[in-house]
């Protein structure tokens, strides 16, 4: 870690030295694709801000989430703290792993553009900017559709659909592995779209998709015919029969209308969110990988090689004798099920929120200064972020050894306190007190759980 100093709060404003009203307005506009082409066009990759648009948007994500949850609470619709925390955890895990993959998946795009591009579009042209935005959105439609219609790709994308809540935090629930299946779909753009425009518009496209993950916005009027909206995307996240394989759009809903995958939200049916076969756990690491086991299990159940490979490359609902995407009549139009929500003490929420905030800070400052870290320290910090978020999810799952794992994490944090301290707002002494107290509390909870388990066995 020698030589590395994380940026101060003042330096995290990226483009400006101070947080002005104009700066906040500009940043907020990015969330809705309202940007000046001249300010978001770059001549070369080295000119792109080191902290990308998505990284810069973190305060706006959390601010909008807090506002949404407050409004829902006042309306008598409190949201699941555990589910929201774990949705955000998935996004942090994805971002952390992407630090290792940065540039690798983009190598093919750069090679095609540098050696085989068909036209030279001016980097500072508004027409180039518009073409890039339309191209990214068109390619995203097919990336998204393939992720639903090819089982091995769905194994990654199902993470995004695994929340039974539908709020802004759901937008952050992303897969670590989805990028590996998505990058080939963007390669045709490399024959004419400059790489800088591809990078920026991919981020703007994703930023736009944040606000559509809410139930607060019911309709935006005539724009529902052109844009992807909260109403359209609620359909996409539904586990109801009419919702399946519909509304894949990123920004423009016109692609779904053109290719026959559009469905209006229905007022006569309450949408049930989540997966058709909903998993019952919070553990984010397990969510990232468990469906690959399901795919393998399905493939092994086939009695011939053709069906074995079809289990990987046909739809998630496919079985021998059905259409490529399966038979949707087996899915209820009005599914009825209870949401996964193990009971827990309010004190657990206080504990997990405190450590979650520390982990968010660590992940954010690590991402902003990752290039200044040694390879080993970078790997260790990424592993620590994933471990921390997984441990918090397991606490909510109330597995037998959850507190033992958390005590171990706190002990490891104390051992490497000098490494962690620069990535939090606390001084090293304060951080030491937090992790020491957490280890003591975790030990007490572990002993208490073991006593309860012992008493339960005696009564049986």
Protein backbone atom coordinates (compact mmCIF):
# COMPACT_ATOMS: atom_id res chain seq x y z
CA UNK A 1 0.00 0.00 0.00
CA UNK A 2 3.07 2.22 0.15
CA UNK A 3 2.77 5.41 -1.88
CA UNK A 4 -1.02 5.25 -2.24
CA UNK A 5 -3.25 7.90 -0.68
CA UNK A 6 -7.02 7.72 -1.32
CA UNK A 7 -8.57 10.90 -2.60
CA UNK A 8 -10.13 13.26 -0.13
CA UNK A 9 -13.84 14.02 -0.11
CA UNK A 10 -13.12 17.32 -1.83
CA UNK A 11 -11.32 15.62 -4.71
CA UNK A 12 -14.09 13.12 -5.34
CA UNK A 13 -16.16 15.65 -7.25
CA UNK A 14 -14.19 14.55 -10.33
CA UNK A 15 -14.92 17.31 -12.85
CA UNK A 16 -15.17 20.28 -10.47
CA UNK A 17 -13.12 21.47 -7.53
CA UNK A 18 -16.28 22.41 -5.64
CA UNK A 19 -19.77 20.99 -5.50
CA UNK A 20 -21.79 23.79 -7.11
CA UNK A 21 -25.48 23.83 -7.90
CA UNK A 22 -24.69 23.64 -11.60
CA UNK A 23 -22.47 20.62 -11.02
CA UNK A 24 -25.19 18.81 -9.05
CA UNK A 25 -27.75 19.61 -11.75
CA UNK A 26 -25.42 18.31 -14.45
CA UNK A 27 -24.73 15.12 -12.53
CA UNK A 28 -28.43 14.60 -11.85
CA UNK A 29 -29.19 15.11 -15.54
CA UNK A 30 -26.89 12.22 -16.44
CA UNK A 31 -29.24 9.93 -14.50
CA UNK A 32 -31.86 10.63 -17.18
CA UNK A 33 -29.55 10.80 -20.24
CA UNK A 34 -29.89 14.61 -20.22
CA UNK A 35 -26.34 15.55 -21.13
CA UNK A 36 -24.55 17.96 -23.43
CA UNK A 37 -22.94 16.01 -26.29
CA UNK A 38 -20.01 18.43 -26.28
CA UNK A 39 -19.30 17.71 -22.60
CA UNK A 40 -19.59 13.92 -22.97
CA UNK A 41 -17.50 13.46 -26.12
CA UNK A 42 -13.81 12.62 -25.73
CA UNK A 43 -11.05 12.45 -28.31
CA UNK A 44 -9.26 9.48 -26.78
CA UNK A 45 -9.67 7.08 -23.86
CA UNK A 46 -7.04 8.87 -21.78
CA UNK A 47 -9.30 11.95 -21.80
CA UNK A 48 -12.20 10.12 -20.12
CA UNK A 49 -12.45 10.98 -16.39
CA UNK A 50 -10.74 8.25 -14.29
CA UNK A 51 -13.83 8.00 -12.08
CA UNK A 52 -16.46 6.96 -14.62
CA UNK A 53 -19.97 8.35 -14.76
CA UNK A 54 -21.37 5.43 -12.79
CA UNK A 55 -18.75 5.78 -10.06
CA UNK A 56 -19.47 9.52 -9.84
CA UNK A 57 -23.19 8.79 -9.56
CA UNK A 58 -22.95 6.81 -6.29
CA UNK A 59 -24.13 9.73 -4.09
CA UNK A 60 -27.10 10.25 -6.41
CA UNK A 61 -27.98 6.55 -6.30
CA UNK A 62 -28.09 6.58 -2.52
CA UNK A 63 -29.83 9.96 -2.35
CA UNK A 64 -32.62 8.87 -4.69
CA UNK A 65 -32.94 5.52 -2.90
CA UNK A 66 -33.27 7.27 0.47
CA UNK A 67 -35.95 9.61 -0.92
CA UNK A 68 -37.89 6.73 -2.50
CA UNK A 69 -37.77 4.60 0.66
CA UNK A 70 -38.88 7.57 2.78
CA UNK A 71 -41.88 8.21 0.55
CA UNK A 72 -42.82 4.53 0.54
CA UNK A 73 -42.50 4.37 4.32
CA UNK A 74 -44.80 7.38 4.72
CA UNK A 75 -47.27 5.67 2.37
CA UNK A 76 -47.29 2.60 4.62
CA UNK A 77 -45.13 0.49 2.31
CA UNK A 78 -41.85 -0.06 4.17
CA UNK A 79 -39.18 -1.84 2.15
CA UNK A 80 -36.99 -4.75 3.21
CA UNK A 81 -33.71 -3.43 4.61
CA UNK A 82 -32.02 -6.79 4.07
CA UNK A 83 -33.17 -7.06 0.45
CA UNK A 84 -32.15 -3.47 -0.37
CA UNK A 85 -28.78 -3.91 1.27
CA UNK A 86 -28.09 -7.12 -0.62
CA UNK A 87 -29.22 -5.61 -3.93
CA UNK A 88 -26.65 -2.86 -3.42
CA UNK A 89 -24.12 -5.49 -2.35
CA UNK A 90 -24.45 -7.22 -5.72
CA UNK A 91 -23.66 -3.95 -7.48
CA UNK A 92 -20.61 -3.37 -5.30
CA UNK A 93 -19.36 -6.92 -5.88
CA UNK A 94 -19.78 -6.51 -9.64
CA UNK A 95 -17.93 -3.18 -9.59
CA UNK A 96 -15.12 -4.61 -7.48
CA UNK A 97 -14.57 -7.58 -9.80
CA UNK A 98 -14.74 -5.32 -12.86
CA UNK A 99 -11.67 -3.51 -11.55
CA UNK A 100 -9.73 -6.68 -12.34
CA UNK A 101 -11.34 -7.07 -15.75
CA UNK A 102 -10.96 -3.43 -16.79
CA UNK A 103 -9.85 -3.29 -20.41
CA UNK A 104 -9.75 -7.06 -21.00
CA UNK A 105 -13.24 -7.40 -22.48
CA UNK A 106 -12.76 -4.17 -24.46
CA UNK A 107 -9.62 -5.42 -26.19
CA UNK A 108 -11.51 -7.01 -29.10
CA UNK A 109 -13.49 -3.81 -29.67
CA UNK A 110 -10.28 -1.75 -29.76
CA UNK A 111 -8.63 -4.21 -32.15
CA UNK A 112 -11.52 -4.07 -34.63
CA UNK A 113 -11.78 -0.28 -34.44
CA UNK A 114 -8.04 0.29 -34.84
CA UNK A 115 -7.57 -2.21 -37.68
CA UNK A 116 -10.86 -2.79 -39.48
CA UNK A 117 -13.18 0.21 -39.00
CA UNK A 118 -15.15 1.07 -42.11
CA UNK A 119 -15.61 4.81 -41.55
CA UNK A 120 -13.93 7.55 -39.53
CA UNK A 121 -16.60 9.44 -37.64
CA UNK A 122 -15.58 12.74 -36.10
CA UNK A 123 -15.26 12.35 -32.35
CA UNK A 124 -16.62 15.85 -31.63
CA UNK A 125 -19.66 15.60 -33.92
CA UNK A 126 -23.18 15.64 -32.47
CA UNK A 127 -24.20 13.17 -35.20
CA UNK A 128 -21.52 10.73 -34.01
CA UNK A 129 -22.78 11.17 -30.43
CA UNK A 130 -26.37 10.39 -31.46
CA UNK A 131 -25.35 7.41 -33.60
CA UNK A 132 -23.35 6.01 -30.69
CA UNK A 133 -26.29 6.37 -28.31
CA UNK A 134 -28.69 4.65 -30.70
CA UNK A 135 -26.18 1.88 -31.45
CA UNK A 136 -25.51 1.13 -27.80
CA UNK A 137 -29.22 1.03 -27.06
CA UNK A 138 -29.93 -1.26 -30.02
CA UNK A 139 -27.12 -3.64 -29.04
CA UNK A 140 -28.25 -3.57 -25.41
CA UNK A 141 -31.70 -4.78 -26.48
CA UNK A 142 -30.13 -7.90 -28.01
CA UNK A 143 -27.73 -8.38 -25.09
CA UNK A 144 -30.67 -8.27 -22.71
CA UNK A 145 -32.86 -10.50 -24.85
CA UNK A 146 -30.11 -13.10 -25.21
CA UNK A 147 -29.62 -13.05 -21.43
CA UNK A 148 -33.23 -14.16 -21.05
CA UNK A 149 -33.39 -16.62 -23.94
CA UNK A 150 -30.08 -18.50 -23.57
CA UNK A 151 -29.91 -20.49 -20.35
CA UNK A 152 -26.17 -20.18 -19.73
CA UNK A 153 -26.45 -16.38 -20.07
CA UNK A 154 -29.55 -16.37 -17.89
CA UNK A 155 -27.46 -18.04 -15.18
CA UNK A 156 -25.75 -14.66 -14.81
CA UNK A 157 -28.68 -12.33 -15.49
CA UNK A 158 -31.04 -14.06 -13.06
CA UNK A 159 -29.16 -12.24 -10.28
CA UNK A 160 -30.78 -8.97 -11.40
CA UNK A 161 -34.24 -10.53 -11.24
CA UNK A 162 -33.80 -12.32 -7.92
CA UNK A 163 -35.19 -9.53 -5.74
CA UNK A 164 -38.81 -9.89 -4.63
CA UNK A 165 -38.93 -6.12 -4.12
CA UNK A 166 -39.09 -3.55 -6.90
CA UNK A 167 -37.37 -0.34 -5.94
CA UNK A 168 -34.34 1.69 -6.94
CA UNK A 169 -31.97 -0.60 -5.06
CA UNK A 170 -33.03 -3.41 -7.41
CA UNK A 171 -31.31 -1.56 -10.25
CA UNK A 172 -27.95 -2.12 -8.55
CA UNK A 173 -28.45 -5.90 -8.27
CA UNK A 174 -26.13 -7.02 -11.05
CA UNK A 175 -24.15 -10.11 -12.02
CA UNK A 176 -20.38 -10.40 -11.88
CA UNK A 177 -20.39 -12.62 -14.96
CA UNK A 178 -22.87 -10.92 -17.31
CA UNK A 179 -20.21 -8.84 -19.04
CA UNK A 180 -18.51 -12.00 -20.31
CA UNK A 181 -21.61 -12.94 -22.29
CA UNK A 182 -22.49 -9.39 -23.34
CA UNK A 183 -19.34 -8.04 -25.02
CA UNK A 184 -19.68 -9.90 -28.38
CA UNK A 185 -23.02 -8.18 -29.03
CA UNK A 186 -21.34 -4.77 -29.06
CA UNK A 187 -18.54 -5.69 -31.48
CA UNK A 188 -20.41 -4.68 -34.69
CA UNK A 189 -20.27 -1.10 -33.38
CA UNK A 190 -16.48 -1.25 -33.52
CA UNK A 191 -16.58 -0.94 -37.30
CA UNK A 192 -17.73 2.68 -37.06
CA UNK A 193 -18.29 3.96 -33.46
CA UNK A 194 -15.22 5.43 -31.67
CA UNK A 195 -14.35 3.52 -28.47
CA UNK A 196 -14.71 6.61 -26.30
CA UNK A 197 -18.32 7.04 -27.40
CA UNK A 198 -19.05 3.37 -26.80
CA UNK A 199 -17.73 3.63 -23.22
CA UNK A 200 -19.60 6.83 -22.36
CA UNK A 201 -22.94 5.82 -23.88
CA UNK A 202 -22.82 2.40 -22.26
CA UNK A 203 -22.54 4.15 -18.90
CA UNK A 204 -25.25 6.70 -19.73
CA UNK A 205 -27.52 3.88 -20.87
CA UNK A 206 -27.07 2.09 -17.55
CA UNK A 207 -27.56 5.30 -15.56
CA UNK A 208 -30.88 5.90 -17.31
CA UNK A 209 -32.07 2.45 -16.33
CA UNK A 210 -31.67 3.27 -12.64
CA UNK A 211 -34.80 5.43 -12.28
CA UNK A 212 -37.12 2.95 -14.02
CA UNK A 213 -36.79 0.51 -11.10
CA UNK A 214 -39.55 2.03 -8.98
CA UNK A 215 -43.27 1.71 -8.27
CA UNK A 216 -43.64 5.39 -7.41
CA UNK A 217 -43.71 6.57 -11.04
CA UNK A 218 -46.88 5.17 -12.56
CA UNK A 219 -46.80 6.76 -16.06
CA UNK A 220 -45.10 9.57 -17.97
CA UNK A 221 -47.87 10.02 -20.52
CA UNK A 222 -47.21 9.95 -24.29
CA UNK A 223 -43.51 9.27 -23.73
CA UNK A 224 -44.52 5.74 -22.70
CA UNK A 225 -44.76 5.02 -26.46
CA UNK A 226 -41.11 5.95 -27.07
CA UNK A 227 -39.09 5.53 -23.90
CA UNK A 228 -38.53 2.61 -21.59
CA UNK A 229 -40.26 3.61 -18.38
CA UNK A 230 -40.94 2.38 -14.87
CA UNK A 231 -44.27 0.96 -16.04
CA UNK A 232 -42.68 -1.02 -18.88
CA UNK A 233 -39.85 -2.27 -16.71
CA UNK A 234 -42.19 -3.40 -13.92
CA UNK A 235 -43.62 -5.79 -16.50
CA UNK A 236 -40.12 -7.01 -17.32
CA UNK A 237 -39.43 -7.85 -13.66
CA UNK A 238 -42.71 -9.68 -13.11
CA UNK A 239 -42.96 -13.42 -12.49
CA UNK A 240 -46.51 -13.41 -13.88
CA UNK A 241 -47.08 -15.33 -17.10
CA UNK A 242 -47.82 -12.24 -19.23
CA UNK A 243 -44.61 -10.58 -18.01
CA UNK A 244 -42.19 -13.29 -19.14
CA UNK A 245 -39.73 -12.43 -21.92
CA UNK A 246 -41.11 -8.92 -22.45
CA UNK A 247 -39.78 -5.35 -22.54
CA UNK A 248 -36.02 -5.80 -22.94
CA UNK A 249 -35.32 -2.16 -23.81
CA UNK A 250 -32.64 -0.01 -22.24
CA UNK A 251 -33.69 3.55 -23.08
CA UNK A 252 -35.98 3.32 -26.13
CA UNK A 253 -38.98 0.97 -25.97
CA UNK A 254 -39.24 1.15 -29.78
CA UNK A 255 -36.96 -1.91 -30.11
CA UNK A 256 -39.48 -4.10 -28.26
CA UNK A 257 -42.27 -2.74 -30.44
CA UNK A 258 -40.25 -3.48 -33.58
CA UNK A 259 -39.27 -7.03 -32.62
CA UNK A 260 -42.50 -8.24 -30.97
CA UNK A 261 -41.46 -8.32 -27.32
CA UNK A 262 -43.57 -5.46 -25.96
CA UNK A 263 -46.34 -5.71 -23.34
CA UNK A 264 -48.25 -2.97 -21.56
CA UNK A 265 -48.56 -3.12 -17.80
CA UNK A 266 -51.98 -4.48 -16.84
CA UNK A 267 -54.10 -2.84 -14.16
CA UNK A 268 -56.18 -5.97 -13.52
CA UNK A 269 -53.23 -8.13 -12.38
CA UNK A 270 -50.88 -7.40 -9.50
CA UNK A 271 -47.30 -8.00 -10.53
CA UNK A 272 -45.32 -10.43 -8.38
CA UNK A 273 -41.61 -9.67 -8.60
CA UNK A 274 -38.72 -12.09 -8.58
CA UNK A 275 -38.00 -15.36 -10.36
CA UNK A 276 -40.51 -18.01 -11.33
CA UNK A 277 -38.51 -20.43 -9.16
CA UNK A 278 -37.55 -17.99 -6.42
CA UNK A 279 -34.44 -18.79 -4.33
CA UNK A 280 -34.79 -18.36 -0.58
CA UNK A 281 -31.57 -16.81 0.70
CA UNK A 282 -29.79 -13.44 0.86
CA UNK A 283 -26.16 -14.61 0.56
CA UNK A 284 -24.94 -12.48 -2.40
CA UNK A 285 -21.99 -14.69 -3.29
CA UNK A 286 -24.29 -17.72 -3.48
CA UNK A 287 -26.75 -15.77 -5.64
CA UNK A 288 -23.97 -14.98 -8.10
CA UNK A 289 -23.06 -18.62 -8.72
CA UNK A 290 -25.88 -20.92 -7.65
CA UNK A 291 -27.84 -20.95 -10.93
CA UNK A 292 -24.83 -22.30 -12.83
CA UNK A 293 -25.27 -25.41 -10.72
CA UNK A 294 -28.93 -25.49 -11.76
CA UNK A 295 -27.94 -25.35 -15.44
CA UNK A 296 -25.46 -28.19 -14.98
CA UNK A 297 -28.00 -30.21 -13.04
CA UNK A 298 -30.54 -29.75 -15.84
CA UNK A 299 -28.03 -30.72 -18.54
CA UNK A 300 -27.01 -33.87 -16.66
CA UNK A 301 -30.64 -34.95 -16.44
CA UNK A 302 -30.91 -35.25 -20.24
CA UNK A 303 -30.67 -38.69 -21.85
CA UNK A 304 -28.93 -37.66 -25.09
CA UNK A 305 -26.18 -35.27 -26.16
CA UNK A 306 -28.43 -33.02 -28.24
CA UNK A 307 -30.66 -32.27 -25.28
CA UNK A 308 -27.60 -31.96 -23.06
CA UNK A 309 -26.34 -29.01 -25.11
CA UNK A 310 -29.85 -27.60 -25.53
CA UNK A 311 -30.03 -27.29 -21.75
CA UNK A 312 -27.23 -24.70 -22.02
CA UNK A 313 -28.29 -22.81 -25.14
CA UNK A 314 -32.07 -22.87 -25.21
CA UNK A 315 -34.31 -20.90 -22.88
CA UNK A 316 -34.39 -21.33 -19.09
CA UNK A 317 -37.91 -22.78 -19.32
CA UNK A 318 -37.08 -25.25 -22.10
CA UNK A 319 -37.47 -28.99 -21.64
CA UNK A 320 -37.55 -31.74 -24.27
CA UNK A 321 -40.83 -31.56 -26.17
CA UNK A 322 -41.40 -27.82 -25.68
CA UNK A 323 -40.62 -24.77 -27.81
CA UNK A 324 -37.19 -23.15 -27.64
CA UNK A 325 -38.22 -20.88 -24.75
CA UNK A 326 -40.33 -23.48 -23.00
CA UNK A 327 -44.05 -23.66 -22.26
CA UNK A 328 -45.24 -20.52 -20.40
CA UNK A 329 -48.64 -22.06 -19.59
CA UNK A 330 -46.95 -23.76 -16.63
CA UNK A 331 -46.42 -20.31 -15.07
CA UNK A 332 -49.27 -18.82 -13.04
CA UNK A 333 -50.87 -15.63 -14.28
CA UNK A 334 -51.47 -14.59 -10.69
CA UNK A 335 -48.74 -16.28 -8.60
CA UNK A 336 -49.24 -16.29 -4.83
CA UNK A 337 -46.24 -16.64 -2.54
CA UNK A 338 -44.76 -15.23 0.63
CA UNK A 339 -41.62 -13.12 0.38
CA UNK A 340 -38.45 -14.49 1.92
CA UNK A 341 -37.99 -12.51 5.13
CA UNK A 342 -36.45 -14.30 8.13
CA UNK A 343 -37.24 -12.55 11.40
CA UNK A 344 -34.43 -10.56 12.98
CA UNK A 345 -33.79 -8.04 15.73
CA UNK A 346 -33.67 -4.29 14.94
CA UNK A 347 -30.20 -4.43 16.51
CA UNK A 348 -29.07 -6.64 13.65
CA UNK A 349 -30.12 -3.92 11.21
CA UNK A 350 -28.05 -1.37 13.14
CA UNK A 351 -25.05 -3.71 13.08
CA UNK A 352 -25.28 -4.56 9.39
CA UNK A 353 -25.96 -0.97 8.28
CA UNK A 354 -22.87 0.27 10.14
CA UNK A 355 -20.62 -2.33 8.56
CA UNK A 356 -22.32 -1.91 5.20
CA UNK A 357 -21.46 1.82 5.22
CA UNK A 358 -17.82 0.99 5.99
CA UNK A 359 -17.77 -1.51 3.13
CA UNK A 360 -19.32 0.95 0.68
CA UNK A 361 -16.64 3.49 1.58
CA UNK A 362 -13.91 0.91 1.17
CA UNK A 363 -15.25 -0.18 -2.23
CA UNK A 364 -15.68 3.40 -3.47
CA UNK A 365 -12.25 4.68 -2.42
CA UNK A 366 -10.63 1.46 -3.64
CA UNK A 367 -12.23 1.92 -7.08
CA UNK A 368 -11.07 5.54 -7.30
CA UNK A 369 -7.48 4.69 -6.37
CA UNK A 370 -7.19 1.17 -7.75
CA UNK A 371 -4.47 2.08 -10.22
CA UNK A 372 -2.25 3.15 -7.31
CA UNK A 373 -2.50 -0.19 -5.54
CA UNK A 374 -0.15 -3.11 -5.94
CA UNK A 375 -1.71 -6.17 -7.57
CA UNK A 376 -1.66 -8.11 -4.31
CA UNK A 377 -3.23 -5.31 -2.25
CA UNK A 378 -5.87 -4.80 -4.94
CA UNK A 379 -6.80 -8.47 -4.90
CA UNK A 380 -6.91 -8.58 -1.11
CA UNK A 381 -9.16 -5.51 -0.88
CA UNK A 382 -11.55 -6.89 -3.51
CA UNK A 383 -11.68 -10.20 -1.64
CA UNK A 384 -12.31 -8.32 1.61
CA UNK A 385 -15.22 -6.35 0.09
CA UNK A 386 -16.83 -9.54 -1.23
CA UNK A 387 -16.26 -11.32 2.09
CA UNK A 388 -17.75 -8.44 4.08
CA UNK A 389 -20.90 -8.17 1.96
CA UNK A 390 -21.37 -11.93 1.92
CA UNK A 391 -20.99 -12.10 5.71
CA UNK A 392 -23.72 -9.48 6.19
CA UNK A 393 -26.07 -11.41 3.89
CA UNK A 394 -25.42 -14.65 5.75
CA UNK A 395 -26.29 -12.91 9.03
CA UNK A 396 -29.74 -12.17 7.61
CA UNK A 397 -30.06 -15.78 6.45
CA UNK A 398 -29.42 -16.78 10.07
CA UNK A 399 -27.30 -19.75 9.12
CA UNK A 400 -25.78 -21.70 12.01
CA UNK A 401 -22.23 -20.41 11.61
CA UNK A 402 -23.08 -16.86 10.45
CA UNK A 403 -21.81 -15.12 13.58
CA UNK A 404 -18.67 -17.24 13.72
CA UNK A 405 -17.87 -16.11 10.18
CA UNK A 406 -18.53 -12.48 11.13
CA UNK A 407 -16.31 -12.74 14.22
CA UNK A 408 -13.55 -14.10 11.99
CA UNK A 409 -14.00 -11.18 9.59
CA UNK A 410 -13.79 -8.67 12.45
CA UNK A 411 -10.63 -10.36 13.73
CA UNK A 412 -9.07 -10.21 10.25
CA UNK A 413 -10.05 -6.54 10.03
CA UNK A 414 -8.19 -5.84 13.27
CA UNK A 415 -5.11 -7.66 11.98
CA UNK A 416 -4.97 -5.50 8.83
CA UNK A 417 -6.28 -2.30 10.36
CA UNK A 418 -3.49 -0.13 8.93
CA UNK A 419 -4.49 -1.25 5.43
CA UNK A 420 -8.23 -0.67 5.91
CA UNK A 421 -8.04 2.64 7.78
CA UNK A 422 -7.24 4.81 4.70
CA UNK A 423 -10.45 3.55 3.08
CA UNK A 424 -12.85 4.78 5.78
CA UNK A 425 -13.71 8.14 7.32
CA UNK A 426 -12.65 6.91 10.79
CA UNK A 427 -9.25 7.22 12.40
CA UNK A 428 -7.39 3.96 13.01
CA UNK A 429 -8.11 4.05 16.76
CA UNK A 430 -11.85 4.55 16.18
CA UNK A 431 -11.90 1.77 13.61
CA UNK A 432 -10.14 -0.52 16.08
CA UNK A 433 -12.84 0.18 18.66
CA UNK A 434 -15.59 -0.56 16.11
CA UNK A 435 -14.19 -3.93 15.07
CA UNK A 436 -13.29 -4.93 18.60
CA UNK A 437 -16.81 -4.11 19.79
CA UNK A 438 -18.25 -5.94 16.78
CA UNK A 439 -16.21 -9.06 17.56
CA UNK A 440 -17.41 -8.99 21.17
CA UNK A 441 -21.03 -8.50 20.08
CA UNK A 442 -20.70 -11.28 17.51
CA UNK A 443 -19.33 -13.64 20.17
CA UNK A 444 -22.28 -12.84 22.44
CA UNK A 445 -24.76 -13.47 19.62
CA UNK A 446 -23.04 -16.76 18.72
CA UNK A 447 -23.22 -17.96 22.33
CA UNK A 448 -26.84 -16.85 22.62
CA UNK A 449 -27.80 -18.70 19.42
CA UNK A 450 -26.04 -21.85 20.62
CA UNK A 451 -27.88 -21.69 23.98
CA UNK A 452 -31.21 -21.29 22.16
CA UNK A 453 -30.39 -24.20 19.85
CA UNK A 454 -29.44 -26.36 22.85
CA UNK A 455 -32.65 -25.52 24.71
CA UNK A 456 -34.68 -26.26 21.60
CA UNK A 457 -33.10 -29.71 21.29
CA UNK A 458 -33.82 -30.46 24.97
CA UNK A 459 -37.50 -29.57 24.58
CA UNK A 460 -37.77 -31.90 21.62
